[in-house]
Structure formats: C-alpha cells, structure tokens
Amino acid sequence: MPDPTSSPATAAPLRDLLAESAAVVRAVLGGRSMTDAIAEVPAPVRAGTQALSFHAMRRLGEARALRRILAPRTPPEPLAEALLLVSLTLLLPEATPSAPSTSSAPVYAPYTVVDQAVQAAAGMPRVEPLKGLVNGLLRSFLRDRDTLLPQLARQIEARWNHPQWWVDKLRSAYPEHWESILAGANIPSPLTLRVNRRRATRQQVLDAFHAAGIGARPVADMGILLDQPRPVQRLPGFDDGWWSVQDAGAQLAAPLLGVSDGMRVLDACAAPGGKTAHLLELADIDLLALDADAGRLQRVGDNLRRLGLDTPRVALRAADAADPGAWWDGKPFDAVLADVPCTASGIVRRHPDIRWLRRADDVARTVKLQARIVDALWRTVAPGGRLLYVTCSVFPDEGERQAAAFAARHADARRLEAPGQLLPVASGATDTTQHDGFFYALFAKAS
C-alpha cells in the first residue's frame, strides 16, 4: 500500500512538497513567474512540487476566498499565507464550475493534508511560530466545510478561479463563450507535437510511439496529440529531431505566411523557436530570428540544432524588434512573422500563474508595445510581401482591435484571409482536442 503522505509523482513526503509549493506560490504572488520559481526547486522534489503548484494556481481563487472567510486578517508571514492557500486547494472538492476536470490533481486524505501542513510549517523557520494558526484554520475548514463552500459561489474570483477584472473582460467580449473559456483554462493541457518533415513522416513517428506503448493520434496538418503528457526527452525521436512540442493552434502560424524557397524571412520575437523551426521545415529560406532576450534566443539555437535546421542561411540576433535601426540592414523581407509580446491570456491552461501575475492595466501597456513593434516591422516588409500578426491572447484589445487599428494606420496594408481569434473553449470534462487561444491577422504590402 503506498504511503499516503507521499506524492503520487515522487517518493517525497507531502510536507516537503507543501513547503516547496508554498515558496512557489509566494513567489507568484510577489510577481515572479511560476516557471522560474519551480526551476529553483531541488531536483528530487521538483516534479511533485510542479504538480502541486499547478493545482494550487488553478484553485487559487477559491483558496484565497476561503482564507479570508476563515481569517479576515492576513497572516503576518507571507509564506504562512502561501502554505495555507496550497493546503486549502488540496482540501477542496474535486470539481467546480471553472474546473470541470482536475484529474491530474494530487489526491490526499484530509487528515493527511492537515498533519503534513503542520509538519511543513514546523520545518519552515519563518512559519514555525504560526503552525498553530495553520492547524486551526485548516481544521476549521474541515469542520465547517458544508457551510463554507456555498459561500464561494457568490464570489466571482472564487467561482471562476480568475481575477474579477479578467472575468469581466471576457464576459463583455464573448457573452456566449466566456464561461467555456474560463472553464477551459483549468483543464490541464494535452501534449501536442509537430512533426519535423525534414527528419520524419508523421506515420513514422506514430509507429514509433505505438511500438513504445505510447498512445498518440494525428491532429492538424503535421501534429500529433499524446493521450497522456510525458517527459519529452524520453519520447522516441527526441534526440533525432523528429518533432517539436507545439500547440495545435500555434502550428497554424508558419503556413499562413506562405513561404517558398529563396525567400528572405524575418521571425521577430522568435523565442523559444517553435515557429522559427516550422518556417525552416516548410522551405529553404534565408531567415533572421530576433528576440530581445539573449538567454531565450539561445534556446532557439538549441532547438534548431536538435532539429537539424541550424544552417548558414539562418541568423540569430538579440535585438529589439521595435528598433530596426539597431539590427536591420535595409534589405526588405518577403515575409515577416510578428508574434508580439502580449498578456498571454490564451495560454493560461499551460501557465495557470499568468492570470494571477497580470493586472488590468497590463492590457493597455501591451497594446501600445504591440503597435510600436508592428509599425516598425512594417517598414521592413518588401512591396508585395506579407506580415503575420500573432498573439497568444484572447483579449480583443490585443487581437481584432489591434489588427483593425494597424490597417487604419497603413494605407498600403491589405488584409488577407486568416483565422482571426481562436478561442480555447472547453467542450467537456474529458476533452483533449482543444487548442490554446491565439489571434492571427495577415497583411500584404502594396507593390
């Protein structure tokens, strides 16, 4: 019989995972990315901490509301607050309106959660003086659970596990779909791959997966959807560059540009390089990949080497796409991919911390930055060339409104057919065919 205090993902005691996850949640509430915080977790407990932290992010709205009901005054130590929040998410019912499926969540007996949370508090010097408070609040929740839970339905943040401003924005923009978008954000995302047609066929990859006992099926043009997420380095073909990890919605980008052999192409804001690689798989082109973050640009190079795409015709440069004078040689591009910075509101199922990191006024800031970038990039497009505007956002300010404003500013821009807004809606608790949220607008420059 398995140890009920151990993580299902590792042999680590729950108390250790609670302590590490509390530090991660504290970091997110302080404005840090969950990805960065988890990267600092010791390797032996990282997998279990990641599973618990993702679960906590998806149920954080409920946990925060409960903590305020149980203790109207915020605990004096932020780490104690975070430990309470993580622990409460483990004591919540399995499903809510915004979380129709939480099958990947860790499952522990309530008494185990309380006991291990107190042990975690005792082992954290800044929290140890408050272990009695942790114990008392968690036991109060278990004792009064039936009267406390109905109160959550009346609080927007708790009901939908998103900030109220986010819920209000989606409800205004998509009166028929907002609930499905919010529910979809709490369904763990599937693992989707894109086959590198220069190294393998899709059937070859599928055959290798099936031979290894890995359930997978084809999606989109060159995509593969795995039945269950797995560590990618252990999948057949990783070292051989047979495929890349890329959401089905993101796989639409490169084909929309219509690249062909001999073209001069710019991939602005290129990191981590999925779309860069896809462009190089489609045609023999001269490609410049830009990114303002030199560290992230290094990942682009690493991905291209694994895929066998790092040829002399590819150049990587760390530079600000909005400042062509710093990197452009004046020779126009036949095609430009402008996957611009955004709120990332369309990929919250993969990065559930995003909803808690963003603020309402972030949208206006990103809109200004996007406009500055695409206006600068438009100058680099050759007559008759194309620019593809892309965001991984579901907010119209960063999508259709931005595209319409761009067209209004540039008389020489003709809008071509493109998917527009892709919404990551949930169609069922077991649905794994959904794509993330993206916006696509394609423009041709007058000859």
Protein backbone atom coordinates (compact mmCIF):
# COMPACT_ATOMS: atom_id res chain seq x y z
CA MET A 1 0.00 0.00 0.00
CA PRO A 2 1.50 3.38 -0.96
CA ASP A 3 2.48 5.84 1.72
CA PRO A 4 -0.47 8.30 1.98
CA THR A 5 1.92 11.12 2.86
CA SER A 6 3.95 10.72 -0.32
CA SER A 7 3.41 12.46 -3.64
CA PRO A 8 1.97 10.30 -6.42
CA ALA A 9 4.70 11.68 -8.70
CA THR A 10 7.68 11.14 -6.39
CA ALA A 11 8.59 9.47 -3.12
CA ALA A 12 8.88 12.87 -1.44
CA PRO A 13 6.85 13.38 1.73
CA LEU A 14 3.88 15.69 1.32
CA ARG A 15 5.26 18.04 3.98
CA ASP A 16 8.28 18.74 1.76
CA LEU A 17 6.12 19.34 -1.31
CA LEU A 18 3.84 21.65 0.66
CA ALA A 19 6.83 23.68 1.85
CA GLU A 20 8.32 23.95 -1.65
CA SER A 21 4.94 24.70 -3.26
CA ALA A 22 4.27 27.39 -0.66
CA ALA A 23 7.53 29.07 -1.70
CA VAL A 24 6.46 28.87 -5.36
CA VAL A 25 3.01 30.35 -4.64
CA ARG A 26 4.61 33.06 -2.53
CA ALA A 27 6.90 33.90 -5.46
CA VAL A 28 3.96 34.14 -7.89
CA LEU A 29 2.01 36.38 -5.53
CA GLY A 30 5.14 38.52 -5.36
CA GLY A 31 5.18 38.87 -9.15
CA ARG A 32 7.56 36.09 -10.24
CA SER A 33 6.87 33.53 -12.95
CA MET A 34 5.98 30.07 -11.66
CA THR A 35 8.32 28.56 -14.26
CA ASP A 36 11.26 30.49 -12.83
CA ALA A 37 10.32 29.64 -9.25
CA ILE A 38 9.96 25.91 -9.94
CA ALA A 39 13.33 25.87 -11.70
CA GLU A 40 14.92 26.69 -8.32
CA VAL A 41 13.26 23.76 -6.52
CA PRO A 42 15.68 20.89 -5.69
CA ALA A 43 15.54 18.19 -8.36
CA PRO A 44 14.35 15.33 -6.10
CA VAL A 45 11.11 17.17 -5.27
CA ARG A 46 10.67 19.26 -8.41
CA ALA A 47 8.17 17.01 -10.21
CA GLY A 48 5.90 16.72 -7.18
CA THR A 49 6.21 20.42 -6.43
CA GLN A 50 5.29 21.28 -10.00
CA ALA A 51 2.16 19.10 -9.89
CA LEU A 52 1.06 20.60 -6.59
CA SER A 53 1.89 24.17 -7.63
CA PHE A 54 -0.06 23.89 -10.90
CA HIS A 55 -3.03 22.55 -8.96
CA ALA A 56 -2.76 25.42 -6.46
CA MET A 57 -2.70 28.03 -9.24
CA ARG A 58 -5.86 26.55 -10.79
CA ARG A 59 -7.74 26.69 -7.48
CA LEU A 60 -6.17 29.81 -6.00
CA GLY A 61 -9.31 31.95 -6.26
CA GLU A 62 -11.27 29.54 -4.08
CA ALA A 63 -8.42 29.19 -1.60
CA ARG A 64 -7.98 32.94 -1.21
CA ALA A 65 -11.69 33.44 -0.63
CA LEU A 66 -11.74 30.69 1.99
CA ARG A 67 -8.72 32.09 3.77
CA ARG A 68 -10.42 35.48 4.02
CA ILE A 69 -13.55 33.88 5.46
CA LEU A 70 -11.60 31.76 7.95
CA ALA A 71 -9.22 34.54 8.96
CA PRO A 72 -10.25 38.06 7.88
CA ARG A 73 -6.82 39.33 8.92
CA THR A 74 -3.94 38.30 6.65
CA PRO A 75 -1.31 36.17 8.44
CA PRO A 76 1.74 38.28 9.31
CA GLU A 77 4.10 36.00 7.37
CA PRO A 78 3.50 35.76 3.57
CA LEU A 79 4.97 32.25 3.48
CA ALA A 80 2.42 31.08 6.06
CA GLU A 81 -0.31 32.58 3.90
CA ALA A 82 1.01 30.67 0.89
CA LEU A 83 1.18 27.41 2.85
CA LEU A 84 -2.44 27.86 3.90
CA LEU A 85 -3.50 28.53 0.32
CA VAL A 86 -1.75 25.45 -1.08
CA SER A 87 -3.17 23.28 1.69
CA LEU A 88 -6.69 24.57 1.18
CA THR A 89 -6.57 23.74 -2.53
CA LEU A 90 -5.93 20.11 -1.56
CA LEU A 91 -8.96 20.10 0.72
CA LEU A 92 -11.39 21.50 -1.88
CA PRO A 93 -13.93 19.36 -3.74
CA GLU A 94 -12.58 17.84 -6.93
CA ALA A 95 -14.67 19.91 -9.37
CA THR A 96 -16.08 23.42 -9.59
CA PRO A 97 -17.78 25.38 -12.42
CA SER A 98 -14.39 26.62 -13.58
CA ALA A 99 -12.60 23.30 -13.08
CA PRO A 100 -14.71 20.58 -14.70
CA SER A 101 -11.75 18.21 -14.70
CA THR A 102 -8.96 18.14 -12.16
CA SER A 103 -7.99 14.53 -12.68
CA SER A 104 -4.28 15.41 -12.66
CA ALA A 105 -4.52 16.97 -9.20
CA PRO A 106 -2.76 15.26 -6.27
CA VAL A 107 -5.21 13.43 -4.02
CA TYR A 108 -4.69 13.03 -0.27
CA ALA A 109 -6.90 12.25 2.69
CA PRO A 110 -7.97 15.44 4.54
CA TYR A 111 -6.34 14.39 7.82
CA THR A 112 -3.09 13.79 5.92
CA VAL A 113 -3.13 17.27 4.41
CA VAL A 114 -3.63 18.94 7.78
CA ASP A 115 -0.98 16.84 9.51
CA GLN A 116 1.58 17.37 6.76
CA ALA A 117 0.84 21.09 6.53
CA VAL A 118 1.58 21.47 10.24
CA GLN A 119 4.78 19.47 9.82
CA ALA A 120 5.73 21.69 6.88
CA ALA A 121 5.12 24.79 9.00
CA ALA A 122 7.25 23.36 11.79
CA GLY A 123 10.14 22.90 9.37
CA MET A 124 9.99 26.46 7.99
CA PRO A 125 11.71 28.89 10.38
CA ARG A 126 9.57 31.89 9.39
CA VAL A 127 6.35 29.89 9.59
CA GLU A 128 7.05 27.73 12.65
CA PRO A 129 5.65 30.33 15.12
CA LEU A 130 2.38 30.21 13.15
CA LYS A 131 1.96 26.44 12.94
CA GLY A 132 -0.89 26.64 15.46
CA LEU A 133 -2.70 29.09 13.19
CA VAL A 134 -2.18 26.78 10.18
CA ASN A 135 -3.52 23.83 12.13
CA GLY A 136 -6.50 25.75 13.49
CA LEU A 137 -7.62 27.27 10.19
CA LEU A 138 -7.37 24.03 8.24
CA ARG A 139 -9.30 22.14 10.91
CA SER A 140 -11.91 24.89 10.98
CA PHE A 141 -12.42 24.45 7.26
CA LEU A 142 -12.89 20.69 7.59
CA ARG A 143 -15.32 21.17 10.48
CA ASP A 144 -17.42 23.86 8.76
CA ARG A 145 -16.88 22.82 5.15
CA ASP A 146 -20.57 22.31 4.34
CA THR A 147 -21.43 25.86 5.37
CA LEU A 148 -18.30 27.50 3.94
CA LEU A 149 -18.28 26.08 0.41
CA PRO A 150 -21.68 27.53 -0.66
CA GLN A 151 -20.34 31.00 0.12
CA LEU A 152 -17.74 30.65 -2.67
CA ALA A 153 -20.38 30.55 -5.41
CA ARG A 154 -21.26 34.18 -4.63
CA GLN A 155 -17.70 35.43 -5.17
CA ILE A 156 -16.55 35.88 -8.78
CA GLU A 157 -12.87 35.15 -8.17
CA ALA A 158 -13.68 32.03 -6.18
CA ARG A 159 -16.33 30.75 -8.57
CA TRP A 160 -14.12 31.06 -11.65
CA ASN A 161 -10.59 30.97 -10.19
CA HIS A 162 -9.63 34.08 -12.15
CA PRO A 163 -9.33 37.73 -11.06
CA GLN A 164 -12.64 39.56 -11.35
CA TRP A 165 -11.30 42.06 -13.91
CA TRP A 166 -10.32 39.11 -16.15
CA VAL A 167 -13.78 37.53 -15.82
CA ASP A 168 -15.50 40.86 -16.54
CA LYS A 169 -13.35 41.42 -19.63
CA LEU A 170 -14.15 38.01 -21.10
CA ARG A 171 -17.84 38.26 -20.26
CA SER A 172 -18.02 41.59 -22.11
CA ALA A 173 -16.06 40.36 -25.14
CA TYR A 174 -17.63 36.91 -25.51
CA PRO A 175 -21.11 36.83 -23.97
CA GLU A 176 -21.77 33.38 -25.45
CA HIS A 177 -18.41 31.76 -24.68
CA TRP A 178 -16.90 33.39 -21.60
CA GLU A 179 -17.86 30.58 -19.24
CA SER A 180 -16.35 27.92 -21.51
CA ILE A 181 -13.15 29.94 -21.88
CA LEU A 182 -12.76 30.21 -18.11
CA ALA A 183 -13.58 26.53 -17.60
CA GLY A 184 -11.14 25.52 -20.33
CA ALA A 185 -8.34 27.42 -18.59
CA ASN A 186 -8.48 24.93 -15.72
CA ILE A 187 -8.37 21.76 -17.81
CA PRO A 188 -4.75 20.57 -17.93
CA SER A 189 -3.47 20.92 -21.48
CA PRO A 190 -2.59 17.95 -23.68
CA LEU A 191 0.89 17.40 -25.06
CA THR A 192 0.86 18.25 -28.77
CA LEU A 193 3.81 17.77 -31.11
CA ARG A 194 4.61 18.96 -34.63
CA VAL A 195 6.50 16.53 -36.84
CA ASN A 196 9.68 17.84 -38.46
CA ARG A 197 9.01 16.85 -42.06
CA ARG A 198 12.71 17.17 -42.90
CA ARG A 199 13.55 14.36 -40.48
CA ALA A 200 10.49 12.07 -40.32
CA THR A 201 6.98 11.39 -41.52
CA ARG A 202 4.05 11.60 -39.16
CA GLN A 203 3.31 7.92 -39.65
CA GLN A 204 6.92 7.06 -38.78
CA VAL A 205 6.62 8.95 -35.51
CA LEU A 206 3.23 7.46 -34.69
CA ASP A 207 4.55 3.95 -35.37
CA ALA A 208 7.48 4.55 -33.03
CA PHE A 209 5.20 5.85 -30.30
CA HIS A 210 2.77 2.96 -30.61
CA ALA A 211 5.65 0.46 -30.57
CA ALA A 212 6.75 2.01 -27.28
CA GLY A 213 3.24 1.70 -25.86
CA ILE A 214 2.54 5.43 -26.07
CA GLY A 215 -0.98 6.42 -27.05
CA ALA A 216 -1.00 9.10 -29.75
CA ARG A 217 -3.11 10.22 -32.69
CA PRO A 218 -2.77 12.69 -35.59
CA VAL A 219 -4.10 16.26 -35.36
CA ALA A 220 -3.93 19.17 -37.79
CA ASP A 221 -1.55 19.02 -40.76
CA MET A 222 1.60 17.60 -39.14
CA GLY A 223 0.59 17.39 -35.49
CA ILE A 224 0.43 14.51 -33.02
CA LEU A 225 -1.64 14.54 -29.83
CA LEU A 226 -0.50 12.30 -26.99
CA ASP A 227 -3.10 10.59 -24.84
CA GLN A 228 -1.11 11.49 -21.72
CA PRO A 229 1.62 14.10 -21.18
CA ARG A 230 5.07 12.59 -20.74
CA PRO A 231 8.64 13.87 -20.26
CA VAL A 232 9.53 14.90 -23.81
CA GLN A 233 13.19 13.83 -23.59
CA ARG A 234 12.05 10.23 -23.12
CA LEU A 235 9.83 10.13 -26.20
CA PRO A 236 11.03 8.31 -29.34
CA GLY A 237 12.66 10.67 -31.82
CA PHE A 238 13.57 13.48 -29.42
CA ASP A 239 17.32 13.17 -29.90
CA ASP A 240 16.84 12.60 -33.64
CA GLY A 241 14.91 15.84 -34.08
CA TRP A 242 11.77 14.14 -35.38
CA TRP A 243 9.40 16.60 -33.76
CA SER A 244 8.90 19.74 -31.68
CA VAL A 245 6.44 20.49 -28.89
CA GLN A 246 3.90 22.96 -30.25
CA ASP A 247 0.23 23.60 -29.56
CA ALA A 248 -2.16 22.83 -32.43
CA GLY A 249 -3.22 26.48 -32.59
CA ALA A 250 0.38 27.67 -32.84
CA GLN A 251 1.00 25.26 -35.72
CA LEU A 252 -1.16 27.47 -37.95
CA ALA A 253 1.30 30.38 -37.94
CA ALA A 254 4.11 29.37 -40.29
CA PRO A 255 1.91 28.01 -43.12
CA LEU A 256 -0.10 31.25 -43.17
CA LEU A 257 2.95 33.20 -44.36
CA GLY A 258 3.19 31.05 -47.49
CA VAL A 259 7.00 30.90 -47.51
CA SER A 260 8.77 29.35 -50.50
CA ASP A 261 12.36 28.53 -51.44
CA GLY A 262 14.66 31.50 -51.72
CA MET A 263 12.58 33.93 -49.66
CA ARG A 264 14.10 36.31 -47.16
CA VAL A 265 12.15 35.90 -43.91
CA LEU A 266 12.13 37.61 -40.51
CA ASP A 267 10.87 35.94 -37.36
CA ALA A 268 10.58 38.78 -34.85
CA CYS A 269 10.15 37.91 -31.14
CA ALA A 270 11.27 34.39 -32.07
CA ALA A 271 11.92 32.63 -28.73
CA PRO A 272 11.51 29.82 -27.85
CA GLY A 273 11.71 28.96 -31.54
CA GLY A 274 8.77 26.69 -32.39
CA LYS A 275 7.55 28.92 -35.22
CA THR A 276 11.13 29.60 -36.35
CA ALA A 277 11.70 25.88 -36.82
CA HIS A 278 8.38 25.42 -38.57
CA LEU A 279 9.26 28.09 -41.15
CA LEU A 280 12.58 26.36 -41.86
CA GLU A 281 10.84 23.00 -42.20
CA LEU A 282 8.49 24.39 -44.85
CA ALA A 283 11.01 25.87 -47.30
CA ASP A 284 14.68 26.64 -47.96
CA ILE A 285 14.73 30.27 -46.86
CA ASP A 286 17.13 32.88 -45.56
CA LEU A 287 15.87 33.56 -42.06
CA LEU A 288 16.71 36.11 -39.39
CA ALA A 289 15.38 35.24 -35.94
CA LEU A 290 15.21 38.13 -33.48
CA ASP A 291 14.49 38.22 -29.78
CA ALA A 292 15.13 40.89 -27.19
CA ASP A 293 16.14 38.25 -24.61
CA ALA A 294 19.56 36.78 -25.41
CA GLY A 295 19.02 33.92 -22.97
CA ARG A 296 15.78 32.87 -24.63
CA LEU A 297 17.36 33.27 -28.06
CA GLN A 298 19.91 30.65 -27.04
CA ARG A 299 17.01 28.22 -26.67
CA VAL A 300 16.08 28.93 -30.30
CA GLY A 301 19.57 27.90 -31.36
CA ASP A 302 19.45 24.76 -29.22
CA ASN A 303 16.11 23.74 -30.75
CA LEU A 304 17.34 24.34 -34.30
CA ARG A 305 20.44 22.21 -33.70
CA ARG A 306 18.37 19.32 -32.33
CA LEU A 307 16.09 19.53 -35.37
CA GLY A 308 18.96 19.76 -37.86
CA LEU A 309 17.87 23.22 -39.02
CA ASP A 310 20.86 25.35 -37.95
CA THR A 311 22.20 26.07 -41.43
CA PRO A 312 24.35 29.03 -42.61
CA ARG A 313 21.16 30.54 -44.04
CA VAL A 314 19.83 31.10 -40.51
CA ALA A 315 20.94 34.02 -38.35
CA LEU A 316 20.03 34.65 -34.70
CA ARG A 317 20.26 38.12 -33.23
CA ALA A 318 19.39 39.55 -29.83
CA ALA A 319 17.73 42.89 -30.55
CA ASP A 320 14.60 44.94 -30.02
CA ALA A 321 12.21 44.29 -32.91
CA ALA A 322 10.74 47.77 -32.43
CA ASP A 323 14.11 49.36 -33.28
CA PRO A 324 15.05 48.22 -36.82
CA GLY A 325 17.88 50.74 -36.93
CA ALA A 326 19.77 48.55 -34.46
CA TRP A 327 19.57 45.31 -36.48
CA TRP A 328 18.14 45.77 -40.00
CA ASP A 329 20.50 46.04 -42.97
CA GLY A 330 17.89 47.83 -45.08
CA LYS A 331 17.19 44.86 -47.34
CA PRO A 332 13.43 44.16 -47.18
CA PHE A 333 11.90 40.85 -46.16
CA ASP A 334 9.45 38.86 -48.26
CA ALA A 335 7.69 37.60 -45.13
CA VAL A 336 7.65 38.79 -41.52
CA LEU A 337 6.27 36.85 -38.56
CA ALA A 338 5.34 39.25 -35.76
CA ASP A 339 4.50 37.03 -32.78
CA VAL A 340 4.42 40.03 -30.48
CA PRO A 341 4.51 40.21 -26.67
CA CYS A 342 1.06 40.06 -25.08
CA THR A 343 -0.74 39.24 -21.84
CA ALA A 344 -0.60 35.53 -22.77
CA SER A 345 -4.24 35.28 -21.73
CA GLY A 346 -4.76 32.50 -24.27
CA ILE A 347 -2.29 30.04 -22.72
CA VAL A 348 -3.37 30.04 -19.07
CA ARG A 349 -4.16 26.33 -19.10
CA ARG A 350 -0.43 25.72 -19.73
CA HIS A 351 0.70 28.55 -17.44
CA PRO A 352 -2.01 28.92 -14.78
CA ASP A 353 0.01 31.51 -12.87
CA ILE A 354 -0.45 34.07 -15.67
CA ARG A 355 -3.94 35.04 -14.50
CA TRP A 356 -2.56 35.95 -11.07
CA LEU A 357 0.51 37.74 -12.41
CA ARG A 358 -1.36 40.07 -14.76
CA ARG A 359 -3.10 43.29 -13.77
CA ALA A 360 -5.95 45.04 -15.55
CA ASP A 361 -3.74 47.89 -16.75
CA ASP A 362 -1.25 45.45 -18.31
CA VAL A 363 -3.53 45.12 -21.34
CA ALA A 364 -3.22 48.78 -22.29
CA ARG A 365 0.56 48.61 -21.90
CA THR A 366 0.93 45.59 -24.13
CA VAL A 367 -1.35 47.14 -26.76
CA LYS A 368 0.96 50.16 -27.01
CA LEU A 369 4.04 47.94 -27.25
CA GLN A 370 2.44 45.75 -29.93
CA ALA A 371 1.52 48.77 -32.06
CA ARG A 372 5.07 50.12 -31.79
CA ILE A 373 6.56 46.79 -32.86
CA VAL A 374 4.29 46.09 -35.85
CA ASP A 375 4.60 49.66 -37.14
CA ALA A 376 8.39 49.32 -37.02
CA LEU A 377 8.35 45.89 -38.66
CA TRP A 378 6.05 47.05 -41.45
CA ARG A 379 8.88 49.25 -42.71
CA THR A 380 11.00 46.14 -43.28
CA VAL A 381 8.41 44.32 -45.44
CA ALA A 382 9.11 44.27 -49.18
CA PRO A 383 6.46 45.56 -51.62
CA GLY A 384 4.19 42.58 -52.25
CA GLY A 385 5.46 40.93 -49.05
CA ARG A 386 3.45 39.73 -46.08
CA LEU A 387 3.34 40.36 -42.35
CA LEU A 388 1.58 37.95 -39.99
CA TYR A 389 0.45 39.49 -36.70
CA VAL A 390 0.13 36.89 -33.92
CA THR A 391 -0.69 36.96 -30.23
CA CYS A 392 -1.45 34.20 -27.73
CA SER A 393 -4.21 36.34 -26.23
CA VAL A 394 -7.99 36.16 -26.06
CA PHE A 395 -8.49 39.85 -25.26
CA PRO A 396 -9.85 41.76 -28.31
CA ASP A 397 -7.64 44.75 -27.46
CA GLU A 398 -4.64 42.63 -28.45
CA GLY A 399 -6.44 40.92 -31.31
CA GLU A 400 -9.08 42.27 -33.67
CA ARG A 401 -8.96 45.83 -32.35
CA GLN A 402 -5.19 45.92 -32.74
CA ALA A 403 -5.38 44.50 -36.26
CA ALA A 404 -8.07 46.99 -37.32
CA ALA A 405 -6.06 49.88 -35.89
CA PHE A 406 -2.96 48.72 -37.78
CA ALA A 407 -4.88 48.58 -41.06
CA ALA A 408 -6.25 52.06 -40.43
CA ARG A 409 -2.74 53.44 -39.87
CA HIS A 410 -1.24 51.89 -43.00
CA ALA A 411 -2.99 52.58 -46.29
CA ASP A 412 -0.60 50.21 -48.09
CA ALA A 413 -1.69 47.24 -45.95
CA ARG A 414 -4.25 44.87 -47.44
CA ARG A 415 -5.75 42.39 -45.05
CA LEU A 416 -5.78 38.79 -46.24
CA GLU A 417 -7.71 35.77 -45.05
CA ALA A 418 -6.56 34.41 -41.68
CA PRO A 419 -8.19 32.55 -38.76
CA GLY A 420 -8.66 35.66 -36.60
CA GLN A 421 -9.46 34.81 -32.99
CA LEU A 422 -9.07 31.21 -31.82
CA LEU A 423 -10.85 30.67 -28.51
CA PRO A 424 -9.70 27.95 -26.11
CA VAL A 425 -13.19 26.88 -25.06
CA ALA A 426 -13.98 23.74 -23.07
CA SER A 427 -16.49 21.40 -24.64
CA GLY A 428 -16.38 18.71 -22.00
CA ALA A 429 -14.59 17.43 -18.93
CA THR A 430 -12.59 14.86 -20.91
CA ASP A 431 -11.92 16.99 -23.98
CA THR A 432 -8.25 16.95 -25.01
CA THR A 433 -8.54 18.26 -28.57
CA GLN A 434 -8.63 21.94 -27.70
CA HIS A 435 -6.02 24.40 -28.87
CA ASP A 436 -4.76 27.39 -26.92
CA GLY A 437 -6.06 30.90 -27.54
CA PHE A 438 -4.44 32.75 -30.45
CA PHE A 439 -5.15 35.66 -32.75
CA TYR A 440 -3.99 35.78 -36.37
CA ALA A 441 -4.14 38.69 -38.84
CA LEU A 442 -2.31 38.57 -42.18
CA PHE A 443 -1.41 41.67 -44.21
CA ALA A 444 0.04 42.11 -47.71
CA LYS A 445 2.02 45.23 -48.62
CA ALA A 446 1.04 47.04 -51.78
CA SER A 447 3.50 46.54 -54.64
